[in-house]
Amino acid sequence: LPIDESRKWVRLPSENIRAILVLEPIRGNLSMESMASIIAFDLDLPLI
């Protein structure tokens, strides 16, 4: 896993899917929209 200390995520090496592992644990009661906002704002990644 190409882990960079400054990042909060890791891109999984997969040919079939574009998968990203978010390293920080989350609360179990988050909605899909809350997870999407973590991706967009905290991780600064586009939602493709």
All heavy atoms as atom14 arrays in JSON, in Angstrom:
{
  "sequence": "LPIDESRKWVRLPSENIRAILVLEPIRGNLSMESMASIIAFDLDLPLI",
  "atom14_mask": [
    [1, 1, 1, 1, 1, 1, 1, 1, 0, 0, 0, 0, 0, 0],
    [1, 1, 1, 1, 1, 1, 1, 0, 0, 0, 0, 0, 0, 0],
    [1, 1, 1, 1, 1, 1, 1, 1, 0, 0, 0, 0, 0, 0],
    [1, 1, 1, 1, 1, 1, 1, 1, 0, 0, 0, 0, 0, 0],
    [1, 1, 1, 1, 1, 1, 1, 1, 1, 0, 0, 0, 0, 0],
    [1, 1, 1, 1, 1, 1, 0, 0, 0, 0, 0, 0, 0, 0],
    [1, 1, 1, 1, 1, 1, 1, 1, 1, 1, 1, 0, 0, 0],
    [1, 1, 1, 1, 1, 1, 1, 1, 1, 0, 0, 0, 0, 0],
    [1, 1, 1, 1, 1, 1, 1, 1, 1, 1, 1, 1, 1, 1],
    [1, 1, 1, 1, 1, 1, 1, 0, 0, 0, 0, 0, 0, 0],
    [1, 1, 1, 1, 1, 1, 1, 1, 1, 1, 1, 0, 0, 0],
    [1, 1, 1, 1, 1, 1, 1, 1, 0, 0, 0, 0, 0, 0],
    [1, 1, 1, 1, 1, 1, 1, 0, 0, 0, 0, 0, 0, 0],
    [1, 1, 1, 1, 1, 1, 0, 0, 0, 0, 0, 0, 0, 0],
    [1, 1, 1, 1, 1, 1, 1, 1, 1, 0, 0, 0, 0, 0],
    [1, 1, 1, 1, 1, 1, 1, 1, 0, 0, 0, 0, 0, 0],
    [1, 1, 1, 1, 1, 1, 1, 1, 0, 0, 0, 0, 0, 0],
    [1, 1, 1, 1, 1, 1, 1, 1, 1, 1, 1, 0, 0, 0],
    [1, 1, 1, 1, 1, 0, 0, 0, 0, 0, 0, 0, 0, 0],
    [1, 1, 1, 1, 1, 1, 1, 1, 0, 0, 0, 0, 0, 0],
    [1, 1, 1, 1, 1, 1, 1, 1, 0, 0, 0, 0, 0, 0],
    [1, 1, 1, 1, 1, 1, 1, 0, 0, 0, 0, 0, 0, 0],
    [1, 1, 1, 1, 1, 1, 1, 1, 0, 0, 0, 0, 0, 0],
    [1, 1, 1, 1, 1, 1, 1, 1, 1, 0, 0, 0, 0, 0],
    [1, 1, 1, 1, 1, 1, 1, 0, 0, 0, 0, 0, 0, 0],
    [1, 1, 1, 1, 1, 1, 1, 1, 0, 0, 0, 0, 0, 0],
    [1, 1, 1, 1, 1, 1, 1, 1, 1, 1, 1, 0, 0, 0],
    [1, 1, 1, 1, 0, 0, 0, 0, 0, 0, 0, 0, 0, 0],
    [1, 1, 1, 1, 1, 1, 1, 1, 0, 0, 0, 0, 0, 0],
    [1, 1, 1, 1, 1, 1, 1, 1, 0, 0, 0, 0, 0, 0],
    [1, 1, 1, 1, 1, 1, 0, 0, 0, 0, 0, 0, 0, 0],
    [1, 1, 1, 1, 1, 1, 1, 1, 0, 0, 0, 0, 0, 0],
    [1, 1, 1, 1, 1, 1, 1, 1, 1, 0, 0, 0, 0, 0],
    [1, 1, 1, 1, 1, 1, 0, 0, 0, 0, 0, 0, 0, 0],
    [1, 1, 1, 1, 1, 1, 1, 1, 0, 0, 0, 0, 0, 0],
    [1, 1, 1, 1, 1, 0, 0, 0, 0, 0, 0, 0, 0, 0],
    [1, 1, 1, 1, 1, 1, 0, 0, 0, 0, 0, 0, 0, 0],
    [1, 1, 1, 1, 1, 1, 1, 1, 0, 0, 0, 0, 0, 0],
    [1, 1, 1, 1, 1, 1, 1, 1, 0, 0, 0, 0, 0, 0],
    [1, 1, 1, 1, 1, 0, 0, 0, 0, 0, 0, 0, 0, 0],
    [1, 1, 1, 1, 1, 1, 1, 1, 1, 1, 1, 0, 0, 0],
    [1, 1, 1, 1, 1, 1, 1, 1, 0, 0, 0, 0, 0, 0],
    [1, 1, 1, 1, 1, 1, 1, 1, 0, 0, 0, 0, 0, 0],
    [1, 1, 1, 1, 1, 1, 1, 1, 0, 0, 0, 0, 0, 0],
    [1, 1, 1, 1, 1, 1, 1, 1, 0, 0, 0, 0, 0, 0],
    [1, 1, 1, 1, 1, 1, 1, 0, 0, 0, 0, 0, 0, 0],
    [1, 1, 1, 1, 1, 1, 1, 1, 0, 0, 0, 0, 0, 0],
    [1, 1, 1, 1, 1, 1, 1, 1, 0, 0, 0, 0, 0, 0]
  ],
  "atom14_positions": [
    [[0.86, -1.18, 0.0], [0.0, 0.0, 0.0], [0.9, 1.23, 0.0], [1.69, 1.41, 0.92], [-0.9, 0.01, 1.23], [-1.83, -1.18, 1.39], [-2.54, -1.11, 2.72], [-2.83, -1.24, 0.27], [0.0, 0.0, 0.0], [0.0, 0.0, 0.0], [0.0, 0.0, 0.0], [0.0, 0.0, 0.0], [0.0, 0.0, 0.0], [0.0, 0.0, 0.0]],
    [[0.78, 2.07, -1.0], [1.64, 3.26, -1.05], [1.17, 4.33, -0.05], [0.49, 5.28, -0.41], [1.47, 3.74, -2.49], [0.14, 3.23, -2.91], [-0.09, 1.95, -2.15], [0.0, 0.0, 0.0], [0.0, 0.0, 0.0], [0.0, 0.0, 0.0], [0.0, 0.0, 0.0], [0.0, 0.0, 0.0], [0.0, 0.0, 0.0], [0.0, 0.0, 0.0]],
    [[1.52, 4.14, 1.21], [1.06, 5.05, 2.27], [2.02, 6.22, 2.38], [3.22, 6.06, 2.51], [0.96, 4.31, 3.61], [-0.1, 3.22, 3.51], [0.65, 5.27, 4.74], [-0.26, 2.39, 4.75], [0.0, 0.0, 0.0], [0.0, 0.0, 0.0], [0.0, 0.0, 0.0], [0.0, 0.0, 0.0], [0.0, 0.0, 0.0], [0.0, 0.0, 0.0]],
    [[1.45, 7.42, 2.3], [2.19, 8.66, 2.47], [1.74, 9.25, 3.8], [0.55, 9.38, 4.05], [1.88, 9.6, 1.3], [2.65, 10.89, 1.37], [3.46, 11.06, 2.29], [2.43, 11.75, 0.51], [0.0, 0.0, 0.0], [0.0, 0.0, 0.0], [0.0, 0.0, 0.0], [0.0, 0.0, 0.0], [0.0, 0.0, 0.0], [0.0, 0.0, 0.0]],
    [[2.67, 9.6, 4.66], [2.35, 10.1, 5.99], [1.46, 11.35, 5.97], [0.68, 11.57, 6.86], [3.63, 10.39, 6.78], [4.45, 9.17, 7.1], [3.73, 8.19, 8.01], [2.96, 8.63, 8.88], [3.92, 6.98, 7.82], [0.0, 0.0, 0.0], [0.0, 0.0, 0.0], [0.0, 0.0, 0.0], [0.0, 0.0, 0.0], [0.0, 0.0, 0.0]],
    [[1.58, 12.17, 4.94], [0.82, 13.41, 4.9], [-0.62, 13.19, 4.41], [-1.46, 14.04, 4.6], [1.51, 14.42, 3.98], [1.57, 13.91, 2.66], [0.0, 0.0, 0.0], [0.0, 0.0, 0.0], [0.0, 0.0, 0.0], [0.0, 0.0, 0.0], [0.0, 0.0, 0.0], [0.0, 0.0, 0.0], [0.0, 0.0, 0.0], [0.0, 0.0, 0.0]],
    [[-0.89, 12.06, 3.8], [-2.24, 11.79, 3.29], [-3.08, 11.06, 4.32], [-2.58, 10.38, 5.19], [-2.16, 10.9, 2.04], [-1.64, 11.6, 0.84], [-1.88, 10.72, -0.35], [-1.19, 11.23, -1.52], [-0.92, 10.5, -2.56], [-1.25, 9.24, -2.61], [-0.3, 11.02, -3.59], [0.0, 0.0, 0.0], [0.0, 0.0, 0.0], [0.0, 0.0, 0.0]],
    [[-4.39, 11.22, 4.14], [-5.34, 10.53, 5.0], [-6.02, 9.39, 4.27], [-7.01, 8.85, 4.74], [-6.41, 11.52, 5.49], [-5.87, 12.64, 6.34], [-6.98, 13.56, 6.74], [-6.45, 14.75, 7.53], [-7.51, 15.68, 7.88], [0.0, 0.0, 0.0], [0.0, 0.0, 0.0], [0.0, 0.0, 0.0], [0.0, 0.0, 0.0], [0.0, 0.0, 0.0]],
    [[-5.49, 9.01, 3.11], [-6.08, 7.96, 2.3], [-5.01, 7.22, 1.52], [-3.89, 7.69, 1.41], [-7.13, 8.54, 1.34], [-6.59, 9.63, 0.46], [-6.53, 10.96, 0.76], [-6.02, 9.49, -0.84], [-5.95, 11.66, -0.28], [-5.63, 10.78, -1.28], [-5.79, 8.41, -1.68], [-5.04, 10.99, -2.51], [-5.2, 8.64, -2.91], [-4.84, 9.93, -3.31]],
    [[-5.38, 6.02, 1.0], [-4.49, 5.19, 0.21], [-5.27, 4.65, -0.99], [-6.39, 4.18, -0.82], [-3.97, 3.99, 1.04], [-3.17, 3.04, 0.17], [-3.16, 4.45, 2.2], [0.0, 0.0, 0.0], [0.0, 0.0, 0.0], [0.0, 0.0, 0.0], [0.0, 0.0, 0.0], [0.0, 0.0, 0.0], [0.0, 0.0, 0.0], [0.0, 0.0, 0.0]],
    [[-4.69, 4.73, -2.17], [-5.31, 4.14, -3.35], [-4.97, 2.66, -3.37], [-3.8, 2.29, -3.31], [-4.82, 4.82, -4.62], [-5.56, 4.39, -5.86], [-5.14, 5.18, -7.07], [-5.22, 6.63, -6.9], [-6.34, 7.34, -7.02], [-7.46, 6.74, -7.3], [-6.32, 8.64, -6.86], [0.0, 0.0, 0.0], [0.0, 0.0, 0.0], [0.0, 0.0, 0.0]],
    [[-5.99, 1.81, -3.43], [-5.76, 0.36, -3.45], [-5.3, -0.07, -4.83], [-5.87, 0.34, -5.84], [-7.04, -0.39, -3.08], [-7.51, -0.28, -1.65], [-8.8, -1.06, -1.46], [-6.45, -0.8, -0.7], [0.0, 0.0, 0.0], [0.0, 0.0, 0.0], [0.0, 0.0, 0.0], [0.0, 0.0, 0.0], [0.0, 0.0, 0.0], [0.0, 0.0, 0.0]],
    [[-4.28, -0.91, -4.88], [-3.81, -1.4, -6.18], [-4.78, -2.44, -6.74], [-4.78, -3.59, -6.33], [-2.46, -2.02, -5.85], [-2.51, -2.33, -4.4], [-3.48, -1.38, -3.77], [0.0, 0.0, 0.0], [0.0, 0.0, 0.0], [0.0, 0.0, 0.0], [0.0, 0.0, 0.0], [0.0, 0.0, 0.0], [0.0, 0.0, 0.0], [0.0, 0.0, 0.0]],
    [[-5.66, -2.01, -7.64], [-6.63, -2.91, -8.25], [-6.82, -2.5, -9.7], [-6.91, -1.32, -10.01], [-7.97, -2.82, -7.51], [-8.93, -3.61, -8.15], [0.0, 0.0, 0.0], [0.0, 0.0, 0.0], [0.0, 0.0, 0.0], [0.0, 0.0, 0.0], [0.0, 0.0, 0.0], [0.0, 0.0, 0.0], [0.0, 0.0, 0.0], [0.0, 0.0, 0.0]],
    [[-6.88, -3.49, -10.58], [-7.06, -3.21, -12.0], [-8.53, -3.01, -12.35], [-8.86, -2.28, -13.27], [-6.48, -4.36, -12.82], [-5.0, -4.55, -12.6], [-4.54, -5.94, -12.98], [-5.33, -6.7, -13.55], [-3.37, -6.25, -12.71], [0.0, 0.0, 0.0], [0.0, 0.0, 0.0], [0.0, 0.0, 0.0], [0.0, 0.0, 0.0], [0.0, 0.0, 0.0]],
    [[-9.41, -3.68, -11.61], [-10.83, -3.67, -11.96], [-11.6, -2.47, -11.43], [-12.54, -2.01, -12.06], [-11.5, -4.94, -11.44], [-10.82, -6.19, -11.96], [-10.17, -6.16, -12.99], [-10.98, -7.28, -11.25], [0.0, 0.0, 0.0], [0.0, 0.0, 0.0], [0.0, 0.0, 0.0], [0.0, 0.0, 0.0], [0.0, 0.0, 0.0], [0.0, 0.0, 0.0]],
    [[-11.22, -1.97, -10.27], [-11.97, -0.88, -9.65], [-11.03, 0.23, -9.21], [-9.85, 0.0, -8.96], [-12.79, -1.38, -8.43], [-11.86, -2.03, -7.4], [-13.88, -2.32, -8.84], [-12.54, -2.4, -6.11], [0.0, 0.0, 0.0], [0.0, 0.0, 0.0], [0.0, 0.0, 0.0], [0.0, 0.0, 0.0], [0.0, 0.0, 0.0], [0.0, 0.0, 0.0]],
    [[-11.57, 1.43, -9.11], [-10.82, 2.55, -8.54], [-11.23, 2.66, -7.08], [-12.27, 3.23, -6.75], [-11.16, 3.83, -9.3], [-10.62, 3.84, -10.71], [-10.97, 5.12, -11.39], [-12.44, 5.26, -11.39], [-13.13, 5.95, -12.28], [-12.51, 6.58, -13.23], [-14.43, 6.02, -12.22], [0.0, 0.0, 0.0], [0.0, 0.0, 0.0], [0.0, 0.0, 0.0]],
    [[-10.42, 2.08, -6.22], [-10.76, 2.01, -4.81], [-9.78, 2.81, -3.98], [-8.58, 2.79, -4.22], [-10.76, 0.56, -4.35], [0.0, 0.0, 0.0], [0.0, 0.0, 0.0], [0.0, 0.0, 0.0], [0.0, 0.0, 0.0], [0.0, 0.0, 0.0], [0.0, 0.0, 0.0], [0.0, 0.0, 0.0], [0.0, 0.0, 0.0], [0.0, 0.0, 0.0]],
    [[-10.32, 3.51, -2.99], [-9.53, 4.33, -2.09], [-9.88, 3.96, -0.65], [-11.06, 3.86, -0.3], [-9.76, 5.82, -2.35], [-9.24, 6.18, -3.75], [-9.1, 6.68, -1.28], [-9.53, 7.56, -4.2], [0.0, 0.0, 0.0], [0.0, 0.0, 0.0], [0.0, 0.0, 0.0], [0.0, 0.0, 0.0], [0.0, 0.0, 0.0], [0.0, 0.0, 0.0]],
    [[-8.87, 3.74, 0.15], [-9.02, 3.38, 1.55], [-8.84, 4.65, 2.38], [-7.77, 5.27, 2.33], [-7.92, 2.38, 1.89], [-8.07, 1.46, 3.06], [-9.1, 0.4, 2.74], [-6.74, 0.8, 3.33], [0.0, 0.0, 0.0], [0.0, 0.0, 0.0], [0.0, 0.0, 0.0], [0.0, 0.0, 0.0], [0.0, 0.0, 0.0], [0.0, 0.0, 0.0]],
    [[-9.86, 5.05, 3.11], [-9.77, 6.2, 4.0], [-9.18, 5.7, 5.32], [-9.74, 4.82, 5.96], [-11.15, 6.85, 4.22], [-11.05, 8.03, 5.15], [-11.74, 7.27, 2.89], [0.0, 0.0, 0.0], [0.0, 0.0, 0.0], [0.0, 0.0, 0.0], [0.0, 0.0, 0.0], [0.0, 0.0, 0.0], [0.0, 0.0, 0.0], [0.0, 0.0, 0.0]],
    [[-8.05, 6.26, 5.73], [-7.29, 5.71, 6.87], [-7.91, 6.01, 8.23], [-7.83, 5.21, 9.14], [-5.85, 6.23, 6.82], [-5.04, 5.77, 5.62], [-3.67, 6.41, 5.62], [-4.93, 4.26, 5.57], [0.0, 0.0, 0.0], [0.0, 0.0, 0.0], [0.0, 0.0, 0.0], [0.0, 0.0, 0.0], [0.0, 0.0, 0.0], [0.0, 0.0, 0.0]],
    [[-8.52, 7.17, 8.38], [-9.08, 7.54, 9.68], [-10.42, 6.84, 9.92], [-11.3, 6.87, 9.07], [-9.29, 9.05, 9.75], [-8.01, 9.85, 9.74], [-7.17, 9.6, 10.96], [-7.72, 9.52, 12.07], [-5.94, 9.48, 10.81], [0.0, 0.0, 0.0], [0.0, 0.0, 0.0], [0.0, 0.0, 0.0], [0.0, 0.0, 0.0], [0.0, 0.0, 0.0]],
    [[-10.6, 6.21, 11.08], [-11.9, 5.59, 11.39], [-13.0, 6.63, 11.54], [-12.73, 7.79, 11.87], [-11.65, 4.89, 12.72], [-10.19, 4.88, 12.93], [-9.61, 5.98, 12.12], [0.0, 0.0, 0.0], [0.0, 0.0, 0.0], [0.0, 0.0, 0.0], [0.0, 0.0, 0.0], [0.0, 0.0, 0.0], [0.0, 0.0, 0.0], [0.0, 0.0, 0.0]],
    [[-14.24, 6.22, 11.27], [-15.39, 7.12, 11.37], [-16.4, 6.57, 12.37], [-16.34, 5.41, 12.75], [-16.08, 7.32, 9.99], [-16.61, 5.98, 9.47], [-15.13, 7.97, 9.0], [-17.52, 6.11, 8.26], [0.0, 0.0, 0.0], [0.0, 0.0, 0.0], [0.0, 0.0, 0.0], [0.0, 0.0, 0.0], [0.0, 0.0, 0.0], [0.0, 0.0, 0.0]],
    [[-17.35, 7.42, 12.77], [-18.47, 6.96, 13.6], [-19.37, 6.06, 12.76], [-19.51, 6.25, 11.56], [-19.28, 8.15, 14.1], [-18.59, 8.98, 15.12], [-19.54, 9.99, 15.78], [-20.66, 10.4, 14.98], [-20.73, 11.52, 14.25], [-19.68, 12.33, 14.21], [-21.8, 11.83, 13.57], [0.0, 0.0, 0.0], [0.0, 0.0, 0.0], [0.0, 0.0, 0.0]],
    [[-20.0, 5.11, 13.38], [-20.83, 4.16, 12.65], [-22.17, 4.7, 12.21], [-22.86, 4.06, 11.42], [0.0, 0.0, 0.0], [0.0, 0.0, 0.0], [0.0, 0.0, 0.0], [0.0, 0.0, 0.0], [0.0, 0.0, 0.0], [0.0, 0.0, 0.0], [0.0, 0.0, 0.0], [0.0, 0.0, 0.0], [0.0, 0.0, 0.0], [0.0, 0.0, 0.0]],
    [[-22.56, 5.87, 12.67], [-23.89, 6.37, 12.34], [-23.87, 7.49, 11.28], [-24.82, 8.25, 11.17], [-24.6, 6.87, 13.6], [-23.84, 7.99, 14.28], [-22.72, 8.31, 13.91], [-24.45, 8.58, 15.3], [0.0, 0.0, 0.0], [0.0, 0.0, 0.0], [0.0, 0.0, 0.0], [0.0, 0.0, 0.0], [0.0, 0.0, 0.0], [0.0, 0.0, 0.0]],
    [[-22.81, 7.59, 10.5], [-22.73, 8.64, 9.48], [-23.59, 8.29, 8.26], [-23.68, 7.12, 7.88], [-21.29, 8.85, 9.03], [-20.34, 9.5, 10.03], [-18.98, 9.69, 9.4], [-20.88, 10.83, 10.51], [0.0, 0.0, 0.0], [0.0, 0.0, 0.0], [0.0, 0.0, 0.0], [0.0, 0.0, 0.0], [0.0, 0.0, 0.0], [0.0, 0.0, 0.0]],
    [[-24.17, 9.29, 7.65], [-24.96, 9.08, 6.44], [-24.04, 9.06, 5.22], [-22.86, 9.41, 5.3], [-25.99, 10.2, 6.3], [-25.32, 11.43, 6.08], [0.0, 0.0, 0.0], [0.0, 0.0, 0.0], [0.0, 0.0, 0.0], [0.0, 0.0, 0.0], [0.0, 0.0, 0.0], [0.0, 0.0, 0.0], [0.0, 0.0, 0.0], [0.0, 0.0, 0.0]],
    [[-24.62, 8.68, 4.08], [-23.85, 8.69, 2.83], [-23.37, 10.09, 2.49], [-22.26, 10.28, 2.02], [-24.7, 8.13, 1.68], [-24.96, 6.66, 1.78], [-25.79, 6.0, 0.34], [-27.46, 6.52, 0.64], [0.0, 0.0, 0.0], [0.0, 0.0, 0.0], [0.0, 0.0, 0.0], [0.0, 0.0, 0.0], [0.0, 0.0, 0.0], [0.0, 0.0, 0.0]],
    [[-24.22, 11.08, 2.74], [-23.85, 12.46, 2.45], [-22.69, 12.92, 3.33], [-21.82, 13.66, 2.88], [-25.07, 13.39, 2.64], [-26.13, 13.23, 1.59], [-27.03, 12.03, 1.81], [-27.01, 11.44, 2.92], [-27.75, 11.65, 0.87], [0.0, 0.0, 0.0], [0.0, 0.0, 0.0], [0.0, 0.0, 0.0], [0.0, 0.0, 0.0], [0.0, 0.0, 0.0]],
    [[-22.68, 12.48, 4.59], [-21.58, 12.83, 5.49], [-20.28, 12.2, 5.02], [-19.22, 12.84, 5.05], [-21.87, 12.36, 6.92], [-23.02, 12.99, 7.42], [0.0, 0.0, 0.0], [0.0, 0.0, 0.0], [0.0, 0.0, 0.0], [0.0, 0.0, 0.0], [0.0, 0.0, 0.0], [0.0, 0.0, 0.0], [0.0, 0.0, 0.0], [0.0, 0.0, 0.0]],
    [[-20.35, 10.96, 4.55], [-19.16, 10.3, 4.02], [-18.67, 11.02, 2.76], [-17.47, 11.22, 2.57], [-19.44, 8.83, 3.72], [-19.64, 7.99, 4.94], [-19.97, 6.29, 4.48], [-20.58, 5.64, 6.0], [0.0, 0.0, 0.0], [0.0, 0.0, 0.0], [0.0, 0.0, 0.0], [0.0, 0.0, 0.0], [0.0, 0.0, 0.0], [0.0, 0.0, 0.0]],
    [[-19.61, 11.42, 1.91], [-19.24, 12.15, 0.69], [-18.61, 13.49, 1.04], [-17.66, 13.93, 0.37], [-20.47, 12.35, -0.19], [0.0, 0.0, 0.0], [0.0, 0.0, 0.0], [0.0, 0.0, 0.0], [0.0, 0.0, 0.0], [0.0, 0.0, 0.0], [0.0, 0.0, 0.0], [0.0, 0.0, 0.0], [0.0, 0.0, 0.0], [0.0, 0.0, 0.0]],
    [[-19.08, 14.15, 2.08], [-18.49, 15.43, 2.46], [-17.09, 15.23, 3.05], [-16.21, 16.07, 2.86], [-19.39, 16.19, 3.43], [-19.46, 15.52, 4.66], [0.0, 0.0, 0.0], [0.0, 0.0, 0.0], [0.0, 0.0, 0.0], [0.0, 0.0, 0.0], [0.0, 0.0, 0.0], [0.0, 0.0, 0.0], [0.0, 0.0, 0.0], [0.0, 0.0, 0.0]],
    [[-16.85, 14.11, 3.74], [-15.5, 13.79, 4.22], [-14.56, 13.66, 3.03], [-13.44, 14.17, 3.03], [-15.5, 12.51, 5.08], [-16.17, 12.76, 6.42], [-14.07, 11.98, 5.28], [-16.39, 11.51, 7.25], [0.0, 0.0, 0.0], [0.0, 0.0, 0.0], [0.0, 0.0, 0.0], [0.0, 0.0, 0.0], [0.0, 0.0, 0.0], [0.0, 0.0, 0.0]],
    [[-15.03, 12.96, 2.0], [-14.22, 12.76, 0.79], [-13.91, 14.1, 0.12], [-12.77, 14.4, -0.22], [-14.93, 11.81, -0.19], [-15.07, 10.42, 0.42], [-14.18, 11.74, -1.52], [-16.07, 9.53, -0.3], [0.0, 0.0, 0.0], [0.0, 0.0, 0.0], [0.0, 0.0, 0.0], [0.0, 0.0, 0.0], [0.0, 0.0, 0.0], [0.0, 0.0, 0.0]],
    [[-14.93, 14.89, -0.07], [-14.78, 16.14, -0.81], [-14.01, 17.21, -0.03], [-13.17, 17.9, -0.6], [-16.15, 16.67, -1.22], [0.0, 0.0, 0.0], [0.0, 0.0, 0.0], [0.0, 0.0, 0.0], [0.0, 0.0, 0.0], [0.0, 0.0, 0.0], [0.0, 0.0, 0.0], [0.0, 0.0, 0.0], [0.0, 0.0, 0.0], [0.0, 0.0, 0.0]],
    [[-14.31, 17.36, 1.26], [-13.74, 18.48, 2.01], [-12.53, 18.1, 2.87], [-11.54, 18.81, 2.89], [-14.82, 19.14, 2.86], [-15.95, 19.69, 2.03], [-17.21, 19.13, 2.12], [-15.74, 20.74, 1.15], [-18.25, 19.63, 1.34], [-16.77, 21.23, 0.37], [-18.03, 20.67, 0.47], [0.0, 0.0, 0.0], [0.0, 0.0, 0.0], [0.0, 0.0, 0.0]],
    [[-12.61, 17.0, 3.59], [-11.49, 16.61, 4.45], [-10.33, 16.01, 3.66], [-9.17, 16.28, 3.92], [-11.94, 15.62, 5.52], [-12.88, 16.24, 6.53], [-13.06, 17.47, 6.5], [-13.45, 15.5, 7.35], [0.0, 0.0, 0.0], [0.0, 0.0, 0.0], [0.0, 0.0, 0.0], [0.0, 0.0, 0.0], [0.0, 0.0, 0.0], [0.0, 0.0, 0.0]],
    [[-10.67, 15.15, 2.68], [-9.63, 14.5, 1.89], [-9.27, 15.28, 0.63], [-8.28, 14.99, -0.03], [-10.06, 13.08, 1.49], [-10.46, 12.15, 2.64], [-10.9, 10.81, 2.11], [-9.32, 11.99, 3.62], [0.0, 0.0, 0.0], [0.0, 0.0, 0.0], [0.0, 0.0, 0.0], [0.0, 0.0, 0.0], [0.0, 0.0, 0.0], [0.0, 0.0, 0.0]],
    [[-10.13, 16.22, 0.27], [-9.92, 17.06, -0.91], [-9.79, 16.22, -2.19], [-8.91, 16.43, -3.01], [-8.69, 17.95, -0.73], [-8.71, 19.14, -1.67], [-9.82, 19.57, -2.05], [-7.62, 19.61, -2.05], [0.0, 0.0, 0.0], [0.0, 0.0, 0.0], [0.0, 0.0, 0.0], [0.0, 0.0, 0.0], [0.0, 0.0, 0.0], [0.0, 0.0, 0.0]],
    [[-10.71, 15.25, -2.33], [-10.73, 14.39, -3.51], [-12.02, 14.62, -4.3], [-13.06, 14.87, -3.71], [-10.65, 12.91, -3.1], [-9.35, 12.46, -2.46], [-9.5, 11.05, -1.9], [-8.23, 12.49, -3.48], [0.0, 0.0, 0.0], [0.0, 0.0, 0.0], [0.0, 0.0, 0.0], [0.0, 0.0, 0.0], [0.0, 0.0, 0.0], [0.0, 0.0, 0.0]],
    [[-11.97, 14.52, -5.62], [-13.19, 14.69, -6.41], [-14.07, 13.44, -6.33], [-13.58, 12.33, -6.13], [-12.66, 14.87, -7.84], [-11.35, 14.16, -7.84], [-10.79, 14.31, -6.47], [0.0, 0.0, 0.0], [0.0, 0.0, 0.0], [0.0, 0.0, 0.0], [0.0, 0.0, 0.0], [0.0, 0.0, 0.0], [0.0, 0.0, 0.0], [0.0, 0.0, 0.0]],
    [[-15.36, 13.64, -6.44], [-16.33, 12.53, -6.43], [-16.61, 12.13, -7.88], [-17.48, 12.69, -8.53], [-17.61, 12.94, -5.7], [-17.43, 13.31, -4.24], [-18.7, 13.89, -3.67], [-16.99, 12.1, -3.45], [0.0, 0.0, 0.0], [0.0, 0.0, 0.0], [0.0, 0.0, 0.0], [0.0, 0.0, 0.0], [0.0, 0.0, 0.0], [0.0, 0.0, 0.0]],
    [[-15.87, 11.15, -8.37], [-15.97, 10.72, -9.76], [-16.77, 9.41, -9.8], [-16.46, 8.47, -9.06], [-14.57, 10.49, -10.36], [-13.78, 11.79, -10.3], [-14.66, 9.98, -11.79], [-12.32, 11.63, -10.64], [0.0, 0.0, 0.0], [0.0, 0.0, 0.0], [0.0, 0.0, 0.0], [0.0, 0.0, 0.0], [0.0, 0.0, 0.0], [0.0, 0.0, 0.0]]
  ]
}
